Amino acid sequence: MTPSQFNTIYKETTANLFEKPITVTQTRKLIAREISMKPKDVQRAVARAEGHSVEVQEKFYDITDPGTIVEKARNVLEQIAKDDIETTDPKKADDSSKPCHQKTSDVVSENSVGSTTPDEEEVFMDEPAHIQYLKVEFVDDDLTCYIYRINDIKSACRRRVKSFTDIKIGDTVYARWPEDKLFYQAKVIDPSVSPRKTMRRNSDSMSVVTPSKNKPGSTVKQRRNSGGAQSGSHLELK
């Protein structure tokens, strides 16, 4: 997909699909995934987004019913986007969501959609990295969740934790549940590191991580009713 095609579909999706705005990097991730899984649907969505006539779409994209096919492609993108932003604040998402296989010619600046300069290009590397995370189990309902950000964890005395290295297996902590953003008592069951791909930007190394997608169903309400949430902890994800 060329930078021009990407810019167009990015504007189309952010304008029409999502209840929350998503970043360029998140959209790039969704499109890259869809290209590998459903290339025809993405091509059709791009054709519609670029304003091609029905005749052009049918000729170059093999569309018999443009409206239905494009809507299907949009729905696929929307569902994946909702899944991906469940545990991530899209306004604060960093560049770690960019796929490692992207070329520099396809990179779009998040601050200036539609333009790139050499200073804004990122080079993606397939080098191993060690990403720290915590796996915690909530006391009230035994649900588990992966914690990648230090701001999403507090010590047993509700103080901020400076580093994941200060926490070990069996420690009691307060962890933020991504669905309602409240802190609940939890037990650390796996502080660990994991190999991931990295990218380099202006000589800085940034990590690629995938947040947990656990869904609590009605258990969040059960925690809230039982007084599991800590007062003053209703914080938005940063």
C-alpha atoms as a PDB file:
ATOM      1  CA  MET A   1       0.000   0.000   0.000  1.00  0.00           C
ATOM      2  CA  THR A   2       1.442   3.366  -0.997  1.00  0.00           C
ATOM      3  CA  PRO A   3       1.678   6.306   1.451  1.00  0.00           C
ATOM      4  CA  SER A   4      -1.096   8.063  -0.502  1.00  0.00           C
ATOM      5  CA  GLN A   5      -3.432   5.079  -0.187  1.00  0.00           C
ATOM      6  CA  PHE A   6      -2.643   4.727   3.495  1.00  0.00           C
ATOM      7  CA  ASN A   7      -3.302   8.413   4.200  1.00  0.00           C
ATOM      8  CA  THR A   8      -6.652   8.221   2.433  1.00  0.00           C
ATOM      9  CA  ILE A   9      -7.929   5.131   4.199  1.00  0.00           C
ATOM     10  CA  TYR A  10      -6.646   6.511   7.509  1.00  0.00           C
ATOM     11  CA  LYS A  11      -8.758   9.646   7.101  1.00  0.00           C
ATOM     12  CA  GLU A  12     -11.738   7.564   6.007  1.00  0.00           C
ATOM     13  CA  THR A  13     -11.605   5.193   8.961  1.00  0.00           C
ATOM     14  CA  THR A  14     -10.967   7.817  11.623  1.00  0.00           C
ATOM     15  CA  ALA A  15     -13.765  10.003  10.252  1.00  0.00           C
ATOM     16  CA  ASN A  16     -16.436   7.326   9.950  1.00  0.00           C
ATOM     17  CA  LEU A  17     -15.671   4.203  11.944  1.00  0.00           C
ATOM     18  CA  PHE A  18     -14.633   4.759  15.495  1.00  0.00           C
ATOM     19  CA  GLU A  19     -16.234   6.219  18.569  1.00  0.00           C
ATOM     20  CA  LYS A  20     -12.752   7.178  19.748  1.00  0.00           C
ATOM     21  CA  PRO A  21      -9.995   8.662  17.560  1.00  0.00           C
ATOM     22  CA  ILE A  22      -7.178   6.238  16.808  1.00  0.00           C
ATOM     23  CA  THR A  23      -3.595   7.064  15.946  1.00  0.00           C
ATOM     24  CA  VAL A  24      -1.846   6.679  12.624  1.00  0.00           C
ATOM     25  CA  THR A  25       0.256   3.882  14.066  1.00  0.00           C
ATOM     26  CA  GLN A  26      -2.769   1.927  15.247  1.00  0.00           C
ATOM     27  CA  THR A  27      -4.434   2.305  11.860  1.00  0.00           C
ATOM     28  CA  ARG A  28      -1.255   1.154  10.133  1.00  0.00           C
ATOM     29  CA  LYS A  29      -1.263  -1.948  12.314  1.00  0.00           C
ATOM     30  CA  LEU A  30      -4.869  -2.746  11.448  1.00  0.00           C
ATOM     31  CA  ILE A  31      -4.358  -2.280   7.734  1.00  0.00           C
ATOM     32  CA  ALA A  32      -1.153  -4.327   7.708  1.00  0.00           C
ATOM     33  CA  ARG A  33      -2.986  -7.171   9.410  1.00  0.00           C
ATOM     34  CA  GLU A  34      -5.933  -6.946   7.029  1.00  0.00           C
ATOM     35  CA  ILE A  35      -3.681  -6.880   3.972  1.00  0.00           C
ATOM     36  CA  SER A  36      -2.241 -10.226   4.990  1.00  0.00           C
ATOM     37  CA  MET A  37      -5.631 -11.750   5.898  1.00  0.00           C
ATOM     38  CA  LYS A  38      -8.141 -10.167   3.509  1.00  0.00           C
ATOM     39  CA  PRO A  39      -6.230  -8.284   0.780  1.00  0.00           C
ATOM     40  CA  LYS A  40      -9.236  -8.026  -1.560  1.00  0.00           C
ATOM     41  CA  ASP A  41     -11.431  -6.377   1.070  1.00  0.00           C
ATOM     42  CA  VAL A  42      -8.739  -3.814   1.858  1.00  0.00           C
ATOM     43  CA  GLN A  43      -8.192  -3.033  -1.817  1.00  0.00           C
ATOM     44  CA  ARG A  44     -11.897  -2.415  -2.206  1.00  0.00           C
ATOM     45  CA  ALA A  45     -11.992  -0.171   0.841  1.00  0.00           C
ATOM     46  CA  VAL A  46      -9.070   1.831  -0.545  1.00  0.00           C
ATOM     47  CA  ALA A  47     -10.805   2.142  -3.904  1.00  0.00           C
ATOM     48  CA  ARG A  48     -13.919   3.523  -2.230  1.00  0.00           C
ATOM     49  CA  ALA A  49     -11.914   5.823   0.039  1.00  0.00           C
ATOM     50  CA  GLU A  50     -10.058   7.291  -2.935  1.00  0.00           C
ATOM     51  CA  GLY A  51     -13.367   8.148  -4.586  1.00  0.00           C
ATOM     52  CA  HIS A  52     -13.196   5.818  -7.590  1.00  0.00           C
ATOM     53  CA  SER A  53     -16.358   5.478  -9.629  1.00  0.00           C
ATOM     54  CA  VAL A  54     -18.334   2.245  -9.593  1.00  0.00           C
ATOM     55  CA  GLU A  55     -17.004   1.441 -13.075  1.00  0.00           C
ATOM     56  CA  VAL A  56     -13.384   1.886 -11.957  1.00  0.00           C
ATOM     57  CA  GLN A  57     -13.933  -0.152  -8.822  1.00  0.00           C
ATOM     58  CA  GLU A  58     -15.483  -3.011 -10.779  1.00  0.00           C
ATOM     59  CA  LYS A  59     -12.712  -2.938 -13.365  1.00  0.00           C
ATOM     60  CA  PHE A  60      -9.723  -2.800 -11.052  1.00  0.00           C
ATOM     61  CA  TYR A  61     -11.068  -4.235  -7.803  1.00  0.00           C
ATOM     62  CA  ASP A  62     -13.601  -6.799  -9.069  1.00  0.00           C
ATOM     63  CA  ILE A  63     -16.524  -5.383  -7.107  1.00  0.00           C
ATOM     64  CA  THR A  64     -20.069  -6.433  -7.963  1.00  0.00           C
ATOM     65  CA  ASP A  65     -21.702  -4.566  -5.089  1.00  0.00           C
ATOM     66  CA  PRO A  66     -19.373  -1.725  -3.963  1.00  0.00           C
ATOM     67  CA  GLY A  67     -21.481  -0.537  -1.060  1.00  0.00           C
ATOM     68  CA  THR A  68     -21.839  -3.967   0.539  1.00  0.00           C
ATOM     69  CA  ILE A  69     -18.222  -5.037  -0.002  1.00  0.00           C
ATOM     70  CA  VAL A  70     -16.741  -1.781   1.311  1.00  0.00           C
ATOM     71  CA  GLU A  71     -19.021  -1.830   4.330  1.00  0.00           C
ATOM     72  CA  LYS A  72     -17.864  -5.367   5.096  1.00  0.00           C
ATOM     73  CA  ALA A  73     -14.231  -4.261   4.929  1.00  0.00           C
ATOM     74  CA  ARG A  74     -14.976  -1.323   7.197  1.00  0.00           C
ATOM     75  CA  ASN A  75     -16.722  -3.555   9.721  1.00  0.00           C
ATOM     76  CA  VAL A  76     -13.717  -5.883   9.829  1.00  0.00           C
ATOM     77  CA  LEU A  77     -11.371  -2.952  10.459  1.00  0.00           C
ATOM     78  CA  GLU A  78     -13.690  -1.512  13.096  1.00  0.00           C
ATOM     79  CA  GLN A  79     -13.934  -4.753  15.065  1.00  0.00           C
ATOM     80  CA  ILE A  80     -10.171  -5.249  15.123  1.00  0.00           C
ATOM     81  CA  ALA A  81      -9.687  -1.622  16.157  1.00  0.00           C
ATOM     82  CA  LYS A  82     -12.105  -1.986  19.068  1.00  0.00           C
ATOM     83  CA  ASP A  83     -10.293  -5.128  20.207  1.00  0.00           C
ATOM     84  CA  ASP A  84      -6.922  -3.395  19.983  1.00  0.00           C
ATOM     85  CA  ILE A  85      -7.915  -0.271  21.930  1.00  0.00           C
ATOM     86  CA  GLU A  86      -9.675  -2.090  24.781  1.00  0.00           C
ATOM     87  CA  THR A  87      -6.614  -1.815  27.006  1.00  0.00           C
ATOM     88  CA  THR A  88      -4.872   1.142  25.353  1.00  0.00           C
ATOM     89  CA  ASP A  89      -5.698   4.839  25.457  1.00  0.00           C
ATOM     90  CA  PRO A  90      -5.588   5.755  21.748  1.00  0.00           C
ATOM     91  CA  LYS A  91      -4.724   9.386  22.470  1.00  0.00           C
ATOM     92  CA  LYS A  92      -1.583   8.358  24.332  1.00  0.00           C
ATOM     93  CA  ALA A  93      -0.595   5.271  22.334  1.00  0.00           C
ATOM     94  CA  ASP A  94       3.091   5.249  21.476  1.00  0.00           C
ATOM     95  CA  ASP A  95       4.905   4.079  18.358  1.00  0.00           C
ATOM     96  CA  SER A  96       5.230   0.560  19.772  1.00  0.00           C
ATOM     97  CA  SER A  97       2.080  -0.507  17.916  1.00  0.00           C
ATOM     98  CA  LYS A  98       3.730  -0.104  14.519  1.00  0.00           C
ATOM     99  CA  PRO A  99       4.315  -3.386  12.683  1.00  0.00           C
ATOM    100  CA  CYS A 100       7.971  -4.313  12.351  1.00  0.00           C
ATOM    101  CA  HIS A 101       7.764  -5.195   8.668  1.00  0.00           C
ATOM    102  CA  GLN A 102       6.837  -1.666   7.501  1.00  0.00           C
ATOM    103  CA  LYS A 103       9.298   0.039   5.175  1.00  0.00           C
ATOM    104  CA  THR A 104      10.460   3.601   5.780  1.00  0.00           C
ATOM    105  CA  SER A 105       8.784   4.716   2.533  1.00  0.00           C
ATOM    106  CA  ASP A 106       5.389   3.756   3.987  1.00  0.00           C
ATOM    107  CA  VAL A 107       5.833   5.514   7.333  1.00  0.00           C
ATOM    108  CA  VAL A 108       3.495   8.422   8.028  1.00  0.00           C
ATOM    109  CA  SER A 109       4.184  10.988  10.722  1.00  0.00           C
ATOM    110  CA  GLU A 110       1.583  10.906  13.490  1.00  0.00           C
ATOM    111  CA  ASN A 111       1.855  14.681  13.853  1.00  0.00           C
ATOM    112  CA  SER A 112       1.361  15.422  10.149  1.00  0.00           C
ATOM    113  CA  VAL A 113      -0.850  12.979   8.282  1.00  0.00           C
ATOM    114  CA  GLY A 114      -0.064  12.969   4.593  1.00  0.00           C
ATOM    115  CA  SER A 115       3.556  14.117   4.725  1.00  0.00           C
ATOM    116  CA  THR A 116       6.863  12.518   5.605  1.00  0.00           C
ATOM    117  CA  THR A 117      10.387  13.852   5.873  1.00  0.00           C
ATOM    118  CA  PRO A 118      13.706  12.034   6.384  1.00  0.00           C
ATOM    119  CA  ASP A 119      13.693  13.213  10.007  1.00  0.00           C
ATOM    120  CA  GLU A 120      10.357  11.488  10.610  1.00  0.00           C
ATOM    121  CA  GLU A 121      11.261   8.143   9.064  1.00  0.00           C
ATOM    122  CA  GLU A 122      11.609   5.120  11.323  1.00  0.00           C
ATOM    123  CA  VAL A 123      13.725   2.069  10.612  1.00  0.00           C
ATOM    124  CA  PHE A 124      12.233  -1.170  11.898  1.00  0.00           C
ATOM    125  CA  MET A 125      14.528  -3.938  13.058  1.00  0.00           C
ATOM    126  CA  ASP A 126      13.911  -7.631  13.658  1.00  0.00           C
ATOM    127  CA  GLU A 127      16.181  -7.637  16.686  1.00  0.00           C
ATOM    128  CA  PRO A 128      15.272  -9.423  19.937  1.00  0.00           C
ATOM    129  CA  ALA A 129      14.437  -7.304  22.967  1.00  0.00           C
ATOM    130  CA  HIS A 130      13.413  -8.080  26.516  1.00  0.00           C
ATOM    131  CA  ILE A 131      10.153  -6.474  27.514  1.00  0.00           C
ATOM    132  CA  GLN A 132       9.205  -6.468  31.159  1.00  0.00           C
ATOM    133  CA  TYR A 133       5.661  -7.186  32.233  1.00  0.00           C
ATOM    134  CA  LEU A 134       3.688  -8.465  35.198  1.00  0.00           C
ATOM    135  CA  LYS A 135       0.978 -11.081  35.143  1.00  0.00           C
ATOM    136  CA  VAL A 136      -1.398 -10.568  38.051  1.00  0.00           C
ATOM    137  CA  GLU A 137      -4.397 -12.467  39.384  1.00  0.00           C
ATOM    138  CA  PHE A 138      -7.198 -10.417  40.920  1.00  0.00           C
ATOM    139  CA  VAL A 139      -8.181 -11.551  44.399  1.00  0.00           C
ATOM    140  CA  ASP A 140     -11.945 -11.079  44.021  1.00  0.00           C
ATOM    141  CA  ASP A 141     -12.562 -13.273  40.991  1.00  0.00           C
ATOM    142  CA  ASP A 142      -9.258 -14.958  40.022  1.00  0.00           C
ATOM    143  CA  LEU A 143      -9.151 -13.216  36.629  1.00  0.00           C
ATOM    144  CA  THR A 144      -5.680 -12.551  35.251  1.00  0.00           C
ATOM    145  CA  CYS A 145      -4.276  -9.562  33.409  1.00  0.00           C
ATOM    146  CA  TYR A 146      -0.919  -8.544  31.943  1.00  0.00           C
ATOM    147  CA  ILE A 147       0.534  -5.225  33.147  1.00  0.00           C
ATOM    148  CA  TYR A 148       3.066  -3.512  30.873  1.00  0.00           C
ATOM    149  CA  ARG A 149       3.070   0.014  32.360  1.00  0.00           C
ATOM    150  CA  ILE A 150       4.444   0.928  35.748  1.00  0.00           C
ATOM    151  CA  ASN A 151       1.609   3.438  36.277  1.00  0.00           C
ATOM    152  CA  ASP A 152      -0.895   0.568  36.220  1.00  0.00           C
ATOM    153  CA  ILE A 153       0.468  -1.033  39.373  1.00  0.00           C
ATOM    154  CA  LYS A 154       0.675   0.069  43.029  1.00  0.00           C
ATOM    155  CA  SER A 155       2.252  -1.544  46.044  1.00  0.00           C
ATOM    156  CA  ALA A 156       0.278  -3.228  48.832  1.00  0.00           C
ATOM    157  CA  CYS A 157       0.309   0.076  50.733  1.00  0.00           C
ATOM    158  CA  ARG A 158      -1.034   1.842  47.632  1.00  0.00           C
ATOM    159  CA  ARG A 159       2.197   3.632  46.841  1.00  0.00           C
ATOM    160  CA  ARG A 160       3.582   4.012  43.357  1.00  0.00           C
ATOM    161  CA  VAL A 161       6.059   1.397  42.206  1.00  0.00           C
ATOM    162  CA  LYS A 162       9.299   2.709  40.714  1.00  0.00           C
ATOM    163  CA  SER A 163      10.299  -0.389  38.758  1.00  0.00           C
ATOM    164  CA  PHE A 164       9.030  -3.845  37.883  1.00  0.00           C
ATOM    165  CA  THR A 165      12.237  -5.191  39.392  1.00  0.00           C
ATOM    166  CA  ASP A 166      10.922  -4.153  42.824  1.00  0.00           C
ATOM    167  CA  ILE A 167       8.106  -6.715  42.510  1.00  0.00           C
ATOM    168  CA  LYS A 168       8.391 -10.481  42.779  1.00  0.00           C
ATOM    169  CA  ILE A 169       6.138 -13.533  42.538  1.00  0.00           C
ATOM    170  CA  GLY A 170       3.618 -13.731  45.358  1.00  0.00           C
ATOM    171  CA  ASP A 171       3.591 -10.008  46.155  1.00  0.00           C
ATOM    172  CA  THR A 172       0.216  -8.432  46.867  1.00  0.00           C
ATOM    173  CA  VAL A 173      -0.364  -5.305  44.787  1.00  0.00           C
ATOM    174  CA  TYR A 174      -3.137  -3.101  43.441  1.00  0.00           C
ATOM    175  CA  ALA A 175      -3.455  -3.426  39.662  1.00  0.00           C
ATOM    176  CA  ARG A 176      -5.509  -1.391  37.240  1.00  0.00           C
ATOM    177  CA  TRP A 177      -8.188  -3.374  35.382  1.00  0.00           C
ATOM    178  CA  PRO A 178      -8.217  -2.038  31.783  1.00  0.00           C
ATOM    179  CA  GLU A 179     -11.982  -2.202  31.309  1.00  0.00           C
ATOM    180  CA  ASP A 180     -13.024   0.278  34.016  1.00  0.00           C
ATOM    181  CA  LYS A 181      -9.557   1.716  34.802  1.00  0.00           C
ATOM    182  CA  LEU A 182      -9.946   1.110  38.546  1.00  0.00           C
ATOM    183  CA  PHE A 183      -7.400  -0.466  40.876  1.00  0.00           C
ATOM    184  CA  TYR A 184      -8.141  -3.808  42.551  1.00  0.00           C
ATOM    185  CA  GLN A 185      -6.172  -6.020  44.891  1.00  0.00           C
ATOM    186  CA  ALA A 186      -4.200  -8.634  43.007  1.00  0.00           C
ATOM    187  CA  LYS A 187      -1.402 -11.148  43.437  1.00  0.00           C
ATOM    188  CA  VAL A 188       1.665 -11.215  41.192  1.00  0.00           C
ATOM    189  CA  ILE A 189       1.954 -14.637  39.561  1.00  0.00           C
ATOM    190  CA  ASP A 190       4.515 -13.986  36.832  1.00  0.00           C
ATOM    191  CA  PRO A 191       6.996 -11.108  36.688  1.00  0.00           C
ATOM    192  CA  SER A 192       8.968 -11.861  33.567  1.00  0.00           C
ATOM    193  CA  VAL A 193      10.559 -10.686  30.338  1.00  0.00           C
ATOM    194  CA  SER A 194       9.542 -11.626  26.859  1.00  0.00           C
ATOM    195  CA  PRO A 195      11.343 -11.480  23.491  1.00  0.00           C
ATOM    196  CA  ARG A 196       9.781  -9.005  21.098  1.00  0.00           C
ATOM    197  CA  LYS A 197      10.708  -7.166  17.937  1.00  0.00           C
ATOM    198  CA  THR A 198      11.978  -3.613  18.256  1.00  0.00           C
ATOM    199  CA  MET A 199      12.227  -0.521  16.164  1.00  0.00           C
ATOM    200  CA  ARG A 200      14.719   2.300  16.226  1.00  0.00           C
ATOM    201  CA  ARG A 201      13.847   5.955  15.853  1.00  0.00           C
ATOM    202  CA  ASN A 202      16.557   8.614  15.987  1.00  0.00           C
ATOM    203  CA  SER A 203      18.870   6.076  17.653  1.00  0.00           C
ATOM    204  CA  ASP A 204      16.314   5.338  20.383  1.00  0.00           C
ATOM    205  CA  SER A 205      15.068   1.777  20.845  1.00  0.00           C
ATOM    206  CA  MET A 206      11.351   1.294  21.473  1.00  0.00           C
ATOM    207  CA  SER A 207       9.586  -1.931  22.313  1.00  0.00           C
ATOM    208  CA  VAL A 208       6.609  -3.614  20.724  1.00  0.00           C
ATOM    209  CA  VAL A 209       4.151  -5.159  23.167  1.00  0.00           C
ATOM    210  CA  THR A 210       0.666  -6.613  22.942  1.00  0.00           C
ATOM    211  CA  PRO A 211      -1.670  -5.856  25.898  1.00  0.00           C
ATOM    212  CA  SER A 212      -3.906  -8.479  27.430  1.00  0.00           C
ATOM    213  CA  LYS A 213      -7.462  -8.754  26.115  1.00  0.00           C
ATOM    214  CA  ASN A 214      -9.103 -10.389  29.125  1.00  0.00           C
ATOM    215  CA  LYS A 215     -12.779  -9.482  29.452  1.00  0.00           C
ATOM    216  CA  PRO A 216     -14.350  -9.631  32.911  1.00  0.00           C
ATOM    217  CA  GLY A 217     -18.017  -9.691  31.895  1.00  0.00           C
ATOM    218  CA  SER A 218     -20.157  -9.033  34.979  1.00  0.00           C
ATOM    219  CA  THR A 219     -17.312  -9.615  37.415  1.00  0.00           C
ATOM    220  CA  VAL A 220     -16.290  -5.952  37.318  1.00  0.00           C
ATOM    221  CA  LYS A 221     -19.663  -5.009  38.778  1.00  0.00           C
ATOM    222  CA  GLN A 222     -19.270  -7.691  41.416  1.00  0.00           C
ATOM    223  CA  ARG A 223     -15.952  -6.198  42.442  1.00  0.00           C
ATOM    224  CA  ARG A 224     -17.398  -2.713  42.531  1.00  0.00           C
ATOM    225  CA  ASN A 225     -20.366  -3.783  44.653  1.00  0.00           C
ATOM    226  CA  SER A 226     -18.116  -5.642  47.066  1.00  0.00           C
ATOM    227  CA  GLY A 227     -16.026  -2.529  47.604  1.00  0.00           C
ATOM    228  CA  GLY A 228     -13.004  -3.911  45.767  1.00  0.00           C
ATOM    229  CA  ALA A 229     -12.270  -0.627  43.992  1.00  0.00           C
ATOM    230  CA  GLN A 230     -10.003   1.739  45.873  1.00  0.00           C
ATOM    231  CA  SER A 231     -11.202   5.268  46.509  1.00  0.00           C
ATOM    232  CA  GLY A 232      -9.385   7.909  44.528  1.00  0.00           C
ATOM    233  CA  SER A 233      -8.180   5.336  42.030  1.00  0.00           C
ATOM    234  CA  HIS A 234     -10.575   6.096  39.212  1.00  0.00           C
ATOM    235  CA  LEU A 235      -7.831   7.248  36.885  1.00  0.00           C
ATOM    236  CA  GLU A 236      -7.811   7.323  33.132  1.00  0.00           C
ATOM    237  CA  LEU A 237      -5.128   5.371  31.320  1.00  0.00           C
ATOM    238  CA  LYS A 238      -2.184   7.510  30.402  1.00  0.00           C
END
